[in-house]
Amino acid sequence: MAMMTVRNIPDEIHSALKARAKRHNRSAEAEMRAILEEAILPKTRIQMGDALAELGRKIGLTNDDLTALDQARTTTPAEPMEFE
């Protein structure tokens, strides 16, 4: 796992971080990891499966449509490309 050093943090920010960590029963370091994770990987990010399901609902895709797509799909493996 990577390590990071943050320099020149103002005293008031450091104090606020420690107070926030105490409220959450964590160390200041654990609190900083939680803050970074929340900022970089928000819980509201779009999940690909959810986005595709929503798209299917918007265009009115039905189970019958999916069955037709499955039946039309070829099961023959693709031939590898040859480069000469």
PDB file of N, CA and C in Angstrom:
ATOM      1  N   MET A   1       0.848  -1.174   0.000  1.00  0.00           N
ATOM      2  CA  MET A   1       0.000   0.000   0.000  1.00  0.00           C
ATOM      3  C   MET A   1       0.895   1.240   0.000  1.00  0.00           C
ATOM      4  N   ALA A   2       0.475   2.269  -0.698  1.00  0.00           N
ATOM      5  CA  ALA A   2       1.268   3.488  -0.815  1.00  0.00           C
ATOM      6  C   ALA A   2       1.215   4.321   0.465  1.00  0.00           C
ATOM      7  N   MET A   3       2.242   5.117   0.627  1.00  0.00           N
ATOM      8  CA  MET A   3       2.295   6.038   1.765  1.00  0.00           C
ATOM      9  C   MET A   3       2.341   7.452   1.214  1.00  0.00           C
ATOM     10  N   MET A   4       1.873   8.410   2.020  1.00  0.00           N
ATOM     11  CA  MET A   4       1.828   9.800   1.595  1.00  0.00           C
ATOM     12  C   MET A   4       2.155  10.692   2.783  1.00  0.00           C
ATOM     13  N   THR A   5       2.881  11.758   2.505  1.00  0.00           N
ATOM     14  CA  THR A   5       3.178  12.747   3.529  1.00  0.00           C
ATOM     15  C   THR A   5       2.587  14.070   3.082  1.00  0.00           C
ATOM     16  N   VAL A   6       1.863  14.725   3.965  1.00  0.00           N
ATOM     17  CA  VAL A   6       1.283  16.030   3.661  1.00  0.00           C
ATOM     18  C   VAL A   6       1.967  17.042   4.575  1.00  0.00           C
ATOM     19  N   ARG A   7       2.591  18.020   3.987  1.00  0.00           N
ATOM     20  CA  ARG A   7       3.347  19.017   4.758  1.00  0.00           C
ATOM     21  C   ARG A   7       2.583  20.343   4.828  1.00  0.00           C
ATOM     22  N   ASN A   8       2.952  21.126   5.790  1.00  0.00           N
ATOM     23  CA  ASN A   8       2.466  22.504   5.944  1.00  0.00           C
ATOM     24  C   ASN A   8       0.952  22.594   6.112  1.00  0.00           C
ATOM     25  N   ILE A   9       0.401  21.713   6.915  1.00  0.00           N
ATOM     26  CA  ILE A   9      -1.022  21.775   7.225  1.00  0.00           C
ATOM     27  C   ILE A   9      -1.211  22.846   8.297  1.00  0.00           C
ATOM     28  N   PRO A  10      -2.086  23.810   8.074  1.00  0.00           N
ATOM     29  CA  PRO A  10      -2.322  24.846   9.093  1.00  0.00           C
ATOM     30  C   PRO A  10      -2.789  24.204  10.409  1.00  0.00           C
ATOM     31  N   ASP A  11      -2.396  24.836  11.502  1.00  0.00           N
ATOM     32  CA  ASP A  11      -2.729  24.306  12.831  1.00  0.00           C
ATOM     33  C   ASP A  11      -4.236  24.118  13.014  1.00  0.00           C
ATOM     34  N   GLU A  12      -5.030  25.061  12.514  1.00  0.00           N
ATOM     35  CA  GLU A  12      -6.482  24.945  12.706  1.00  0.00           C
ATOM     36  C   GLU A  12      -7.053  23.753  11.938  1.00  0.00           C
ATOM     37  N   ILE A  13      -6.489  23.436  10.776  1.00  0.00           N
ATOM     38  CA  ILE A  13      -6.934  22.270  10.008  1.00  0.00           C
ATOM     39  C   ILE A  13      -6.532  20.995  10.741  1.00  0.00           C
ATOM     40  N   HIS A  14      -5.323  20.970  11.247  1.00  0.00           N
ATOM     41  CA  HIS A  14      -4.849  19.797  11.986  1.00  0.00           C
ATOM     42  C   HIS A  14      -5.705  19.563  13.227  1.00  0.00           C
ATOM     43  N   SER A  15      -6.029  20.615  13.936  1.00  0.00           N
ATOM     44  CA  SER A  15      -6.874  20.496  15.138  1.00  0.00           C
ATOM     45  C   SER A  15      -8.271  20.013  14.774  1.00  0.00           C
ATOM     46  N   ALA A  16      -8.815  20.551  13.685  1.00  0.00           N
ATOM     47  CA  ALA A  16     -10.152  20.136  13.253  1.00  0.00           C
ATOM     48  C   ALA A  16     -10.146  18.669  12.822  1.00  0.00           C
ATOM     49  N   LEU A  17      -9.078  18.240  12.176  1.00  0.00           N
ATOM     50  CA  LEU A  17      -8.963  16.840  11.775  1.00  0.00           C
ATOM     51  C   LEU A  17      -8.927  15.925  12.994  1.00  0.00           C
ATOM     52  N   LYS A  18      -8.159  16.308  13.985  1.00  0.00           N
ATOM     53  CA  LYS A  18      -8.077  15.499  15.207  1.00  0.00           C
ATOM     54  C   LYS A  18      -9.418  15.454  15.923  1.00  0.00           C
ATOM     55  N   ALA A  19     -10.138  16.580  15.937  1.00  0.00           N
ATOM     56  CA  ALA A  19     -11.457  16.617  16.583  1.00  0.00           C
ATOM     57  C   ALA A  19     -12.449  15.739  15.819  1.00  0.00           C
ATOM     58  N   ARG A  20     -12.396  15.805  14.507  1.00  0.00           N
ATOM     59  CA  ARG A  20     -13.286  14.977  13.688  1.00  0.00           C
ATOM     60  C   ARG A  20     -12.968  13.498  13.888  1.00  0.00           C
ATOM     61  N   ALA A  21     -11.699  13.172  13.945  1.00  0.00           N
ATOM     62  CA  ALA A  21     -11.282  11.786  14.173  1.00  0.00           C
ATOM     63  C   ALA A  21     -11.792  11.292  15.525  1.00  0.00           C
ATOM     64  N   LYS A  22     -11.712  12.133  16.517  1.00  0.00           N
ATOM     65  CA  LYS A  22     -12.176  11.750  17.854  1.00  0.00           C
ATOM     66  C   LYS A  22     -13.687  11.475  17.839  1.00  0.00           C
ATOM     67  N   ARG A  23     -14.442  12.304  17.112  1.00  0.00           N
ATOM     68  CA  ARG A  23     -15.889  12.098  17.013  1.00  0.00           C
ATOM     69  C   ARG A  23     -16.227  10.762  16.352  1.00  0.00           C
ATOM     70  N   HIS A  24     -15.359  10.326  15.446  1.00  0.00           N
ATOM     71  CA  HIS A  24     -15.588   9.070  14.733  1.00  0.00           C
ATOM     72  C   HIS A  24     -14.833   7.895  15.354  1.00  0.00           C
ATOM     73  N   ASN A  25     -14.230   8.133  16.510  1.00  0.00           N
ATOM     74  CA  ASN A  25     -13.461   7.087  17.213  1.00  0.00           C
ATOM     75  C   ASN A  25     -12.373   6.475  16.335  1.00  0.00           C
ATOM     76  N   ARG A  26     -11.625   7.346  15.650  1.00  0.00           N
ATOM     77  CA  ARG A  26     -10.522   6.907  14.798  1.00  0.00           C
ATOM     78  C   ARG A  26      -9.296   7.746  15.100  1.00  0.00           C
ATOM     79  N   SER A  27      -8.168   7.265  14.614  1.00  0.00           N
ATOM     80  CA  SER A  27      -6.949   8.070  14.678  1.00  0.00           C
ATOM     81  C   SER A  27      -7.035   9.157  13.612  1.00  0.00           C
ATOM     82  N   ALA A  28      -6.192  10.168  13.725  1.00  0.00           N
ATOM     83  CA  ALA A  28      -6.172  11.233  12.721  1.00  0.00           C
ATOM     84  C   ALA A  28      -5.790  10.651  11.356  1.00  0.00           C
ATOM     85  N   GLU A  29      -4.887   9.687  11.352  1.00  0.00           N
ATOM     86  CA  GLU A  29      -4.471   9.052  10.099  1.00  0.00           C
ATOM     87  C   GLU A  29      -5.632   8.278   9.456  1.00  0.00           C
ATOM     88  N   ALA A  30      -6.367   7.529  10.269  1.00  0.00           N
ATOM     89  CA  ALA A  30      -7.524   6.788   9.753  1.00  0.00           C
ATOM     90  C   ALA A  30      -8.604   7.761   9.257  1.00  0.00           C
ATOM     91  N   GLU A  31      -8.765   8.856   9.942  1.00  0.00           N
ATOM     92  CA  GLU A  31      -9.750   9.863   9.522  1.00  0.00           C
ATOM     93  C   GLU A  31      -9.361  10.459   8.175  1.00  0.00           C
ATOM     94  N   MET A  32      -8.074  10.731   8.006  1.00  0.00           N
ATOM     95  CA  MET A  32      -7.602  11.285   6.733  1.00  0.00           C
ATOM     96  C   MET A  32      -7.826  10.285   5.601  1.00  0.00           C
ATOM     97  N   ARG A  33      -7.592   9.001   5.839  1.00  0.00           N
ATOM     98  CA  ARG A  33      -7.866   7.993   4.814  1.00  0.00           C
ATOM     99  C   ARG A  33      -9.347   7.977   4.459  1.00  0.00           C
ATOM    100  N   ALA A  34     -10.205   8.078   5.481  1.00  0.00           N
ATOM    101  CA  ALA A  34     -11.652   8.079   5.241  1.00  0.00           C
ATOM    102  C   ALA A  34     -12.070   9.303   4.424  1.00  0.00           C
ATOM    103  N   ILE A  35     -11.509  10.449   4.738  1.00  0.00           N
ATOM    104  CA  ILE A  35     -11.824  11.686   4.007  1.00  0.00           C
ATOM    105  C   ILE A  35     -11.383  11.554   2.550  1.00  0.00           C
ATOM    106  N   LEU A  36     -10.177  11.045   2.329  1.00  0.00           N
ATOM    107  CA  LEU A  36      -9.685  10.878   0.966  1.00  0.00           C
ATOM    108  C   LEU A  36     -10.537   9.886   0.180  1.00  0.00           C
ATOM    109  N   GLU A  37     -10.886   8.773   0.811  1.00  0.00           N
ATOM    110  CA  GLU A  37     -11.709   7.767   0.138  1.00  0.00           C
ATOM    111  C   GLU A  37     -13.061   8.344  -0.246  1.00  0.00           C
ATOM    112  N   GLU A  38     -13.677   9.088   0.659  1.00  0.00           N
ATOM    113  CA  GLU A  38     -14.986   9.691   0.384  1.00  0.00           C
ATOM    114  C   GLU A  38     -14.902  10.703  -0.754  1.00  0.00           C
ATOM    115  N   ALA A  39     -13.805  11.457  -0.792  1.00  0.00           N
ATOM    116  CA  ALA A  39     -13.647  12.478  -1.832  1.00  0.00           C
ATOM    117  C   ALA A  39     -13.344  11.861  -3.191  1.00  0.00           C
ATOM    118  N   ILE A  40     -12.561  10.799  -3.206  1.00  0.00           N
ATOM    119  CA  ILE A  40     -12.119  10.211  -4.469  1.00  0.00           C
ATOM    120  C   ILE A  40     -13.096   9.157  -4.986  1.00  0.00           C
ATOM    121  N   LEU A  41     -13.671   8.376  -4.086  1.00  0.00           N
ATOM    122  CA  LEU A  41     -14.587   7.302  -4.472  1.00  0.00           C
ATOM    123  C   LEU A  41     -15.943   7.517  -3.799  1.00  0.00           C
ATOM    124  N   PRO A  42     -16.697   8.537  -4.230  1.00  0.00           N
ATOM    125  CA  PRO A  42     -17.976   8.813  -3.573  1.00  0.00           C
ATOM    126  C   PRO A  42     -18.959   7.657  -3.744  1.00  0.00           C
ATOM    127  N   LYS A  43     -19.819   7.476  -2.766  1.00  0.00           N
ATOM    128  CA  LYS A  43     -20.805   6.396  -2.805  1.00  0.00           C
ATOM    129  C   LYS A  43     -21.830   6.611  -3.908  1.00  0.00           C
ATOM    130  N   THR A  44     -21.931   7.828  -4.410  1.00  0.00           N
ATOM    131  CA  THR A  44     -22.923   8.134  -5.434  1.00  0.00           C
ATOM    132  C   THR A  44     -22.395   7.905  -6.842  1.00  0.00           C
ATOM    133  N   ARG A  45     -21.193   7.322  -6.984  1.00  0.00           N
ATOM    134  CA  ARG A  45     -20.663   7.103  -8.333  1.00  0.00           C
ATOM    135  C   ARG A  45     -21.552   6.105  -9.077  1.00  0.00           C
ATOM    136  N   ILE A  46     -21.555   6.231 -10.364  1.00  0.00           N
ATOM    137  CA  ILE A  46     -22.415   5.397 -11.196  1.00  0.00           C
ATOM    138  C   ILE A  46     -21.767   4.024 -11.370  1.00  0.00           C
ATOM    139  N   GLN A  47     -22.522   2.996 -11.108  1.00  0.00           N
ATOM    140  CA  GLN A  47     -22.078   1.630 -11.326  1.00  0.00           C
ATOM    141  C   GLN A  47     -22.504   1.226 -12.734  1.00  0.00           C
ATOM    142  N   MET A  48     -21.624   0.569 -13.467  1.00  0.00           N
ATOM    143  CA  MET A  48     -21.901   0.220 -14.868  1.00  0.00           C
ATOM    144  C   MET A  48     -23.173  -0.612 -15.006  1.00  0.00           C
ATOM    145  N   GLY A  49     -23.355  -1.620 -14.158  1.00  0.00           N
ATOM    146  CA  GLY A  49     -24.557  -2.455 -14.250  1.00  0.00           C
ATOM    147  C   GLY A  49     -25.821  -1.652 -14.023  1.00  0.00           C
ATOM    148  N   ASP A  50     -25.783  -0.742 -13.040  1.00  0.00           N
ATOM    149  CA  ASP A  50     -26.942   0.106 -12.768  1.00  0.00           C
ATOM    150  C   ASP A  50     -27.243   1.015 -13.961  1.00  0.00           C
ATOM    151  N   ALA A  51     -26.184   1.561 -14.567  1.00  0.00           N
ATOM    152  CA  ALA A  51     -26.369   2.458 -15.711  1.00  0.00           C
ATOM    153  C   ALA A  51     -26.975   1.707 -16.890  1.00  0.00           C
ATOM    154  N   LEU A  52     -26.500   0.474 -17.145  1.00  0.00           N
ATOM    155  CA  LEU A  52     -27.044  -0.306 -18.262  1.00  0.00           C
ATOM    156  C   LEU A  52     -28.493  -0.717 -18.002  1.00  0.00           C
ATOM    157  N   ALA A  53     -28.804  -1.092 -16.763  1.00  0.00           N
ATOM    158  CA  ALA A  53     -30.181  -1.461 -16.427  1.00  0.00           C
ATOM    159  C   ALA A  53     -31.115  -0.261 -16.608  1.00  0.00           C
ATOM    160  N   GLU A  54     -30.672   0.910 -16.182  1.00  0.00           N
ATOM    161  CA  GLU A  54     -31.472   2.122 -16.341  1.00  0.00           C
ATOM    162  C   GLU A  54     -31.688   2.445 -17.816  1.00  0.00           C
ATOM    163  N   LEU A  55     -30.648   2.288 -18.626  1.00  0.00           N
ATOM    164  CA  LEU A  55     -30.759   2.522 -20.059  1.00  0.00           C
ATOM    165  C   LEU A  55     -31.780   1.563 -20.676  1.00  0.00           C
ATOM    166  N   GLY A  56     -31.723   0.292 -20.271  1.00  0.00           N
ATOM    167  CA  GLY A  56     -32.688  -0.686 -20.767  1.00  0.00           C
ATOM    168  C   GLY A  56     -34.112  -0.309 -20.413  1.00  0.00           C
ATOM    169  N   ARG A  57     -34.315   0.175 -19.183  1.00  0.00           N
ATOM    170  CA  ARG A  57     -35.666   0.604 -18.778  1.00  0.00           C
ATOM    171  C   ARG A  57     -36.119   1.806 -19.590  1.00  0.00           C
ATOM    172  N   LYS A  58     -35.198   2.763 -19.831  1.00  0.00           N
ATOM    173  CA  LYS A  58     -35.551   3.978 -20.570  1.00  0.00           C
ATOM    174  C   LYS A  58     -36.005   3.673 -21.988  1.00  0.00           C
ATOM    175  N   ILE A  59     -35.338   2.730 -22.640  1.00  0.00           N
ATOM    176  CA  ILE A  59     -35.689   2.437 -24.034  1.00  0.00           C
ATOM    177  C   ILE A  59     -36.752   1.356 -24.141  1.00  0.00           C
ATOM    178  N   GLY A  60     -37.212   0.843 -23.004  1.00  0.00           N
ATOM    179  CA  GLY A  60     -38.301  -0.115 -23.003  1.00  0.00           C
ATOM    180  C   GLY A  60     -37.883  -1.540 -23.336  1.00  0.00           C
ATOM    181  N   LEU A  61     -36.640  -1.889 -23.064  1.00  0.00           N
ATOM    182  CA  LEU A  61     -36.150  -3.241 -23.319  1.00  0.00           C
ATOM    183  C   LEU A  61     -36.901  -4.232 -22.437  1.00  0.00           C
ATOM    184  N   THR A  62     -37.331  -5.338 -23.042  1.00  0.00           N
ATOM    185  CA  THR A  62     -38.084  -6.348 -22.286  1.00  0.00           C
ATOM    186  C   THR A  62     -37.298  -7.649 -22.240  1.00  0.00           C
ATOM    187  N   ASN A  63     -37.783  -8.590 -21.443  1.00  0.00           N
ATOM    188  CA  ASN A  63     -37.158  -9.910 -21.379  1.00  0.00           C
ATOM    189  C   ASN A  63     -37.242 -10.613 -22.730  1.00  0.00           C
ATOM    190  N   ASP A  64     -38.314 -10.372 -23.476  1.00  0.00           N
ATOM    191  CA  ASP A  64     -38.440 -10.963 -24.814  1.00  0.00           C
ATOM    192  C   ASP A  64     -37.337 -10.453 -25.741  1.00  0.00           C
ATOM    193  N   ASP A  65     -37.006  -9.166 -25.607  1.00  0.00           N
ATOM    194  CA  ASP A  65     -35.917  -8.594 -26.408  1.00  0.00           C
ATOM    195  C   ASP A  65     -34.587  -9.279 -26.070  1.00  0.00           C
ATOM    196  N   LEU A  66     -34.349  -9.494 -24.789  1.00  0.00           N
ATOM    197  CA  LEU A  66     -33.106 -10.141 -24.364  1.00  0.00           C
ATOM    198  C   LEU A  66     -33.044 -11.586 -24.855  1.00  0.00           C
ATOM    199  N   THR A  67     -34.172 -12.269 -24.823  1.00  0.00           N
ATOM    200  CA  THR A  67     -34.222 -13.642 -25.329  1.00  0.00           C
ATOM    201  C   THR A  67     -33.896 -13.662 -26.817  1.00  0.00           C
ATOM    202  N   ALA A  68     -34.443 -12.724 -27.570  1.00  0.00           N
ATOM    203  CA  ALA A  68     -34.168 -12.648 -29.012  1.00  0.00           C
ATOM    204  C   ALA A  68     -32.692 -12.369 -29.261  1.00  0.00           C
ATOM    205  N   LEU A  69     -32.101 -11.503 -28.470  1.00  0.00           N
ATOM    206  CA  LEU A  69     -30.668 -11.211 -28.615  1.00  0.00           C
ATOM    207  C   LEU A  69     -29.829 -12.448 -28.315  1.00  0.00           C
ATOM    208  N   ASP A  70     -30.191 -13.183 -27.270  1.00  0.00           N
ATOM    209  CA  ASP A  70     -29.463 -14.411 -26.922  1.00  0.00           C
ATOM    210  C   ASP A  70     -29.553 -15.437 -28.046  1.00  0.00           C
ATOM    211  N   GLN A  71     -30.725 -15.552 -28.663  1.00  0.00           N
ATOM    212  CA  GLN A  71     -30.913 -16.535 -29.736  1.00  0.00           C
ATOM    213  C   GLN A  71     -30.144 -16.140 -30.993  1.00  0.00           C
ATOM    214  N   ALA A  72     -29.980 -14.857 -31.216  1.00  0.00           N
ATOM    215  CA  ALA A  72     -29.277 -14.378 -32.404  1.00  0.00           C
ATOM    216  C   ALA A  72     -27.757 -14.437 -32.228  1.00  0.00           C
ATOM    217  N   ARG A  73     -27.307 -14.532 -30.993  1.00  0.00           N
ATOM    218  CA  ARG A  73     -25.877 -14.533 -30.719  1.00  0.00           C
ATOM    219  C   ARG A  73     -25.250 -15.831 -31.214  1.00  0.00           C
ATOM    220  N   THR A  74     -24.120 -15.704 -31.880  1.00  0.00           N
ATOM    221  CA  THR A  74     -23.410 -16.890 -32.355  1.00  0.00           C
ATOM    222  C   THR A  74     -22.560 -17.469 -31.220  1.00  0.00           C
ATOM    223  N   THR A  75     -22.490 -18.780 -31.192  1.00  0.00           N
ATOM    224  CA  THR A  75     -21.669 -19.429 -30.163  1.00  0.00           C
ATOM    225  C   THR A  75     -20.369 -19.959 -30.752  1.00  0.00           C
ATOM    226  N   THR A  76     -20.177 -19.708 -32.059  1.00  0.00           N
ATOM    227  CA  THR A  76     -18.953 -20.139 -32.703  1.00  0.00           C
ATOM    228  C   THR A  76     -17.810 -19.214 -32.263  1.00  0.00           C
ATOM    229  N   PRO A  77     -16.716 -19.795 -31.782  1.00  0.00           N
ATOM    230  CA  PRO A  77     -15.591 -18.950 -31.353  1.00  0.00           C
ATOM    231  C   PRO A  77     -15.036 -18.153 -32.536  1.00  0.00           C
ATOM    232  N   ALA A  78     -14.560 -16.990 -32.266  1.00  0.00           N
ATOM    233  CA  ALA A  78     -13.955 -16.153 -33.309  1.00  0.00           C
ATOM    234  C   ALA A  78     -12.620 -16.761 -33.732  1.00  0.00           C
ATOM    235  N   GLU A  79     -12.332 -16.630 -35.004  1.00  0.00           N
ATOM    236  CA  GLU A  79     -11.040 -17.099 -35.532  1.00  0.00           C
ATOM    237  C   GLU A  79      -9.972 -16.063 -35.186  1.00  0.00           C
ATOM    238  N   PRO A  80      -8.793 -16.504 -34.765  1.00  0.00           N
ATOM    239  CA  PRO A  80      -7.733 -15.552 -34.464  1.00  0.00           C
ATOM    240  C   PRO A  80      -7.299 -14.804 -35.726  1.00  0.00           C
ATOM    241  N   MET A  81      -6.893 -13.589 -35.561  1.00  0.00           N
ATOM    242  CA  MET A  81      -6.433 -12.788 -36.699  1.00  0.00           C
ATOM    243  C   MET A  81      -5.054 -13.265 -37.119  1.00  0.00           C
ATOM    244  N   GLU A  82      -4.810 -13.195 -38.404  1.00  0.00           N
ATOM    245  CA  GLU A  82      -3.491 -13.552 -38.934  1.00  0.00           C
ATOM    246  C   GLU A  82      -2.858 -12.310 -39.532  1.00  0.00           C
ATOM    247  N   PHE A  83      -1.624 -12.066 -39.164  1.00  0.00           N
ATOM    248  CA  PHE A  83      -0.888 -10.918 -39.670  1.00  0.00           C
ATOM    249  C   PHE A  83       0.248 -11.442 -40.557  1.00  0.00           C
ATOM    250  N   GLU A  84       0.341 -10.952 -41.756  1.00  0.00           N
ATOM    251  CA  GLU A  84       1.394 -11.425 -42.658  1.00  0.00           C
ATOM    252  C   GLU A  84       2.374 -10.336 -42.946  1.00  0.00           C
TER     253      GLU A  84
END
